[in-house]
């Protein structure tokens, strides 16, 4: 089994895939961009992740942040995310 298959079959990989599928279906994200996100996920080096009370916390090391016009290497990044459905309740 390839390494990317292990990542994609993990809880975080399945949640990412489900979220990307939902975003493509409602027109928030193009299918091409969703595939690019998965490719980057396959390459990523996730240091730590947690899921508690419907909130994801990700700690990345040696990450590259890219926008349309620039790219920056950062030592550490902390991402906190929650299900948007919980915000409407």
N, C-alpha and C. Protein backbone atom coordinates (compact mmCIF):
# COMPACT_ATOMS: atom_id res chain seq x y z
N UNK A 1 0.85 -1.18 0.00
CA UNK A 1 0.00 0.00 0.00
C UNK A 1 0.90 1.24 0.00
N UNK A 2 0.62 2.18 -0.87
CA UNK A 2 1.40 3.40 -0.96
C UNK A 2 1.14 4.30 0.25
N UNK A 3 2.14 5.14 0.57
CA UNK A 3 2.00 6.02 1.73
C UNK A 3 0.79 6.91 1.62
N UNK A 4 0.53 7.47 0.41
CA UNK A 4 -0.60 8.37 0.27
C UNK A 4 -1.92 7.67 0.56
N UNK A 5 -1.99 6.37 0.30
CA UNK A 5 -3.21 5.63 0.60
C UNK A 5 -3.44 5.55 2.12
N UNK A 6 -2.36 5.41 2.87
CA UNK A 6 -2.49 5.38 4.33
C UNK A 6 -3.01 6.71 4.84
N UNK A 7 -2.46 7.82 4.31
CA UNK A 7 -2.91 9.14 4.73
C UNK A 7 -4.37 9.36 4.34
N UNK A 8 -4.73 8.99 3.14
CA UNK A 8 -6.11 9.23 2.69
C UNK A 8 -7.11 8.36 3.42
N UNK A 9 -6.70 7.21 3.90
CA UNK A 9 -7.62 6.33 4.64
C UNK A 9 -7.70 6.68 6.12
N UNK A 10 -6.85 7.61 6.57
CA UNK A 10 -6.92 8.03 7.96
C UNK A 10 -8.17 8.88 8.16
N UNK A 11 -8.52 9.11 9.41
CA UNK A 11 -9.69 9.94 9.71
C UNK A 11 -9.56 11.31 9.08
N UNK A 12 -8.40 11.90 9.20
CA UNK A 12 -8.20 13.25 8.65
C UNK A 12 -8.27 13.24 7.13
N UNK A 13 -7.74 12.21 6.50
CA UNK A 13 -7.80 12.11 5.04
C UNK A 13 -9.22 11.93 4.53
N UNK A 14 -9.99 11.10 5.22
CA UNK A 14 -11.37 10.88 4.81
C UNK A 14 -12.21 12.14 5.02
N UNK A 15 -11.95 12.86 6.12
CA UNK A 15 -12.68 14.11 6.35
C UNK A 15 -12.31 15.16 5.31
N UNK A 16 -11.04 15.23 4.95
CA UNK A 16 -10.62 16.18 3.92
C UNK A 16 -11.29 15.85 2.60
N UNK A 17 -11.28 14.58 2.21
CA UNK A 17 -11.91 14.17 0.96
C UNK A 17 -13.40 14.48 0.96
N UNK A 18 -14.06 14.19 2.07
CA UNK A 18 -15.50 14.48 2.18
C UNK A 18 -15.78 15.98 2.07
N UNK A 19 -14.96 16.78 2.72
CA UNK A 19 -15.13 18.23 2.67
C UNK A 19 -14.89 18.76 1.27
N UNK A 20 -13.83 18.28 0.62
CA UNK A 20 -13.56 18.71 -0.76
C UNK A 20 -14.69 18.32 -1.70
N UNK A 21 -15.21 17.11 -1.55
CA UNK A 21 -16.34 16.67 -2.38
C UNK A 21 -17.55 17.59 -2.19
N UNK A 22 -17.82 17.93 -0.94
CA UNK A 22 -18.95 18.82 -0.64
C UNK A 22 -18.74 20.20 -1.26
N UNK A 23 -17.51 20.71 -1.18
CA UNK A 23 -17.21 22.02 -1.75
C UNK A 23 -17.32 22.02 -3.27
N UNK A 24 -16.92 20.93 -3.90
CA UNK A 24 -17.05 20.82 -5.36
C UNK A 24 -18.53 20.75 -5.75
N UNK A 25 -19.31 19.97 -5.00
CA UNK A 25 -20.73 19.83 -5.30
C UNK A 25 -21.50 21.13 -5.16
N UNK A 26 -21.14 21.97 -4.17
CA UNK A 26 -21.89 23.22 -4.02
C UNK A 26 -21.24 24.38 -4.77
N UNK A 27 -20.21 24.10 -5.56
CA UNK A 27 -19.62 25.12 -6.42
C UNK A 27 -18.62 26.04 -5.75
N UNK A 28 -18.25 25.76 -4.51
CA UNK A 28 -17.28 26.59 -3.80
C UNK A 28 -15.86 26.38 -4.32
N UNK A 29 -15.60 25.19 -4.84
CA UNK A 29 -14.26 24.80 -5.26
C UNK A 29 -14.35 24.06 -6.59
N UNK A 30 -13.40 24.30 -7.47
CA UNK A 30 -13.37 23.57 -8.73
C UNK A 30 -12.80 22.17 -8.51
N UNK A 31 -13.18 21.21 -9.34
CA UNK A 31 -12.63 19.85 -9.19
C UNK A 31 -11.11 19.83 -9.33
N UNK A 32 -10.58 20.68 -10.20
CA UNK A 32 -9.13 20.73 -10.40
C UNK A 32 -8.40 21.18 -9.14
N UNK A 33 -8.95 22.19 -8.48
CA UNK A 33 -8.34 22.69 -7.25
C UNK A 33 -8.45 21.65 -6.13
N UNK A 34 -9.56 20.94 -6.07
CA UNK A 34 -9.73 19.88 -5.06
C UNK A 34 -8.66 18.80 -5.25
N UNK A 35 -8.37 18.45 -6.48
CA UNK A 35 -7.33 17.45 -6.76
C UNK A 35 -5.97 17.97 -6.33
N UNK A 36 -5.71 19.26 -6.60
CA UNK A 36 -4.43 19.85 -6.17
C UNK A 36 -4.29 19.82 -4.65
N UNK A 37 -5.38 20.06 -3.94
CA UNK A 37 -5.34 20.00 -2.47
C UNK A 37 -4.98 18.58 -2.02
N UNK A 38 -5.58 17.58 -2.63
CA UNK A 38 -5.28 16.19 -2.26
C UNK A 38 -3.83 15.82 -2.58
N UNK A 39 -3.33 16.31 -3.70
CA UNK A 39 -1.93 16.04 -4.06
C UNK A 39 -1.00 16.65 -3.01
N UNK A 40 -1.30 17.88 -2.57
CA UNK A 40 -0.49 18.51 -1.54
C UNK A 40 -0.63 17.78 -0.20
N UNK A 41 -1.83 17.30 0.10
CA UNK A 41 -2.05 16.51 1.31
C UNK A 41 -1.17 15.26 1.29
N UNK A 42 -1.07 14.63 0.13
CA UNK A 42 -0.26 13.43 -0.01
C UNK A 42 1.22 13.72 0.25
N UNK A 43 1.67 14.92 -0.10
CA UNK A 43 3.08 15.30 0.07
C UNK A 43 3.37 15.84 1.46
N UNK A 44 2.36 16.23 2.19
CA UNK A 44 2.54 16.99 3.43
C UNK A 44 3.21 16.23 4.55
N UNK A 45 3.76 16.99 5.47
CA UNK A 45 4.39 16.44 6.67
C UNK A 45 3.67 17.03 7.87
N UNK A 46 2.63 16.37 8.25
CA UNK A 46 1.82 16.82 9.38
C UNK A 46 2.51 16.39 10.67
N UNK A 47 2.80 17.34 11.52
CA UNK A 47 3.49 17.04 12.77
C UNK A 47 2.52 16.46 13.80
N UNK A 48 1.39 17.15 14.02
CA UNK A 48 0.42 16.72 15.02
C UNK A 48 -0.98 17.13 14.56
N UNK A 49 -1.97 16.32 14.87
CA UNK A 49 -3.34 16.76 14.68
C UNK A 49 -4.20 16.22 15.82
N UNK A 50 -5.25 16.99 16.12
CA UNK A 50 -6.17 16.61 17.19
C UNK A 50 -7.60 16.88 16.73
N UNK A 51 -8.50 16.10 17.26
CA UNK A 51 -9.93 16.33 17.01
C UNK A 51 -10.62 16.23 18.36
N UNK A 52 -11.16 17.35 18.82
CA UNK A 52 -11.80 17.39 20.13
C UNK A 52 -12.98 18.34 20.06
N UNK A 53 -14.14 17.91 20.52
CA UNK A 53 -15.35 18.73 20.53
C UNK A 53 -15.66 19.33 19.15
N UNK A 54 -15.52 18.50 18.12
CA UNK A 54 -15.79 18.90 16.73
C UNK A 54 -14.88 20.02 16.23
N UNK A 55 -13.70 20.13 16.79
CA UNK A 55 -12.71 21.12 16.34
C UNK A 55 -11.41 20.39 16.01
N UNK A 56 -10.93 20.62 14.78
CA UNK A 56 -9.65 20.08 14.34
C UNK A 56 -8.56 21.08 14.64
N UNK A 57 -7.42 20.60 15.13
CA UNK A 57 -6.23 21.42 15.30
C UNK A 57 -5.08 20.71 14.60
N UNK A 58 -4.42 21.41 13.68
CA UNK A 58 -3.31 20.85 12.92
C UNK A 58 -2.05 21.65 13.22
N UNK A 59 -0.95 20.97 13.43
CA UNK A 59 0.35 21.60 13.61
C UNK A 59 1.23 21.14 12.45
N UNK A 60 1.68 22.08 11.65
CA UNK A 60 2.54 21.78 10.50
C UNK A 60 3.94 22.30 10.77
N UNK A 61 4.94 21.57 10.29
CA UNK A 61 6.32 22.04 10.38
C UNK A 61 6.88 22.20 8.98
N UNK A 62 7.71 23.21 8.81
CA UNK A 62 8.36 23.48 7.53
C UNK A 62 7.34 23.55 6.40
N UNK A 63 6.31 24.33 6.61
CA UNK A 63 5.23 24.46 5.63
C UNK A 63 5.56 25.55 4.61
N UNK A 64 4.91 25.45 3.47
CA UNK A 64 5.00 26.47 2.43
C UNK A 64 3.61 27.05 2.24
N UNK A 65 3.48 28.35 2.47
CA UNK A 65 2.21 29.05 2.29
C UNK A 65 2.27 29.75 0.93
N UNK A 66 1.29 29.44 0.08
CA UNK A 66 1.27 30.02 -1.27
C UNK A 66 -0.01 30.81 -1.48
N UNK A 67 0.12 31.94 -2.15
CA UNK A 67 -1.03 32.71 -2.63
C UNK A 67 -0.83 32.91 -4.11
N UNK A 68 -1.73 33.65 -4.75
CA UNK A 68 -1.61 33.85 -6.19
C UNK A 68 -0.30 34.51 -6.59
N UNK A 69 0.21 35.42 -5.76
CA UNK A 69 1.38 36.19 -6.17
C UNK A 69 2.62 36.01 -5.30
N UNK A 70 2.58 35.16 -4.29
CA UNK A 70 3.78 34.96 -3.49
C UNK A 70 3.78 33.58 -2.84
N UNK A 71 4.95 33.24 -2.31
CA UNK A 71 5.14 31.97 -1.62
C UNK A 71 6.08 32.23 -0.46
N UNK A 72 5.78 31.65 0.70
CA UNK A 72 6.62 31.88 1.86
C UNK A 72 6.81 30.58 2.64
N UNK A 73 8.05 30.28 2.98
CA UNK A 73 8.36 29.13 3.81
C UNK A 73 8.25 29.55 5.28
N UNK A 74 7.54 28.77 6.06
CA UNK A 74 7.38 29.07 7.48
C UNK A 74 7.79 27.86 8.30
N UNK A 75 8.31 28.11 9.49
CA UNK A 75 8.77 27.01 10.34
C UNK A 75 7.63 26.21 10.93
N UNK A 76 6.63 26.92 11.46
CA UNK A 76 5.49 26.24 12.08
C UNK A 76 4.20 26.96 11.75
N UNK A 77 3.15 26.17 11.57
CA UNK A 77 1.82 26.72 11.31
C UNK A 77 0.83 25.94 12.16
N UNK A 78 -0.09 26.66 12.80
CA UNK A 78 -1.17 26.03 13.54
C UNK A 78 -2.48 26.40 12.85
N UNK A 79 -3.26 25.40 12.49
CA UNK A 79 -4.55 25.60 11.83
C UNK A 79 -5.63 25.05 12.75
N UNK A 80 -6.64 25.86 13.03
CA UNK A 80 -7.77 25.43 13.84
C UNK A 80 -9.00 25.52 12.95
N UNK A 81 -9.76 24.42 12.84
CA UNK A 81 -10.92 24.38 11.94
C UNK A 81 -12.08 23.67 12.62
N UNK A 82 -13.29 24.09 12.27
CA UNK A 82 -14.48 23.41 12.80
C UNK A 82 -15.49 23.25 11.67
N UNK A 83 -16.46 22.40 11.90
CA UNK A 83 -17.51 22.14 10.94
C UNK A 83 -18.41 23.38 10.83
N UNK A 84 -18.55 23.91 9.63
CA UNK A 84 -19.35 25.12 9.44
C UNK A 84 -20.82 24.89 9.80
N UNK A 85 -21.27 23.65 9.75
CA UNK A 85 -22.65 23.35 10.13
C UNK A 85 -22.91 23.66 11.60
N UNK A 86 -21.85 23.56 12.41
CA UNK A 86 -22.00 23.85 13.83
C UNK A 86 -22.19 25.33 14.09
N UNK A 87 -21.71 26.18 13.18
CA UNK A 87 -21.83 27.62 13.35
C UNK A 87 -23.23 28.12 13.10
N UNK A 88 -24.04 27.36 12.36
CA UNK A 88 -25.41 27.79 12.02
C UNK A 88 -26.43 27.30 13.04
N UNK A 89 -26.01 26.53 14.00
CA UNK A 89 -26.95 25.97 14.99
C UNK A 89 -27.22 26.96 16.09
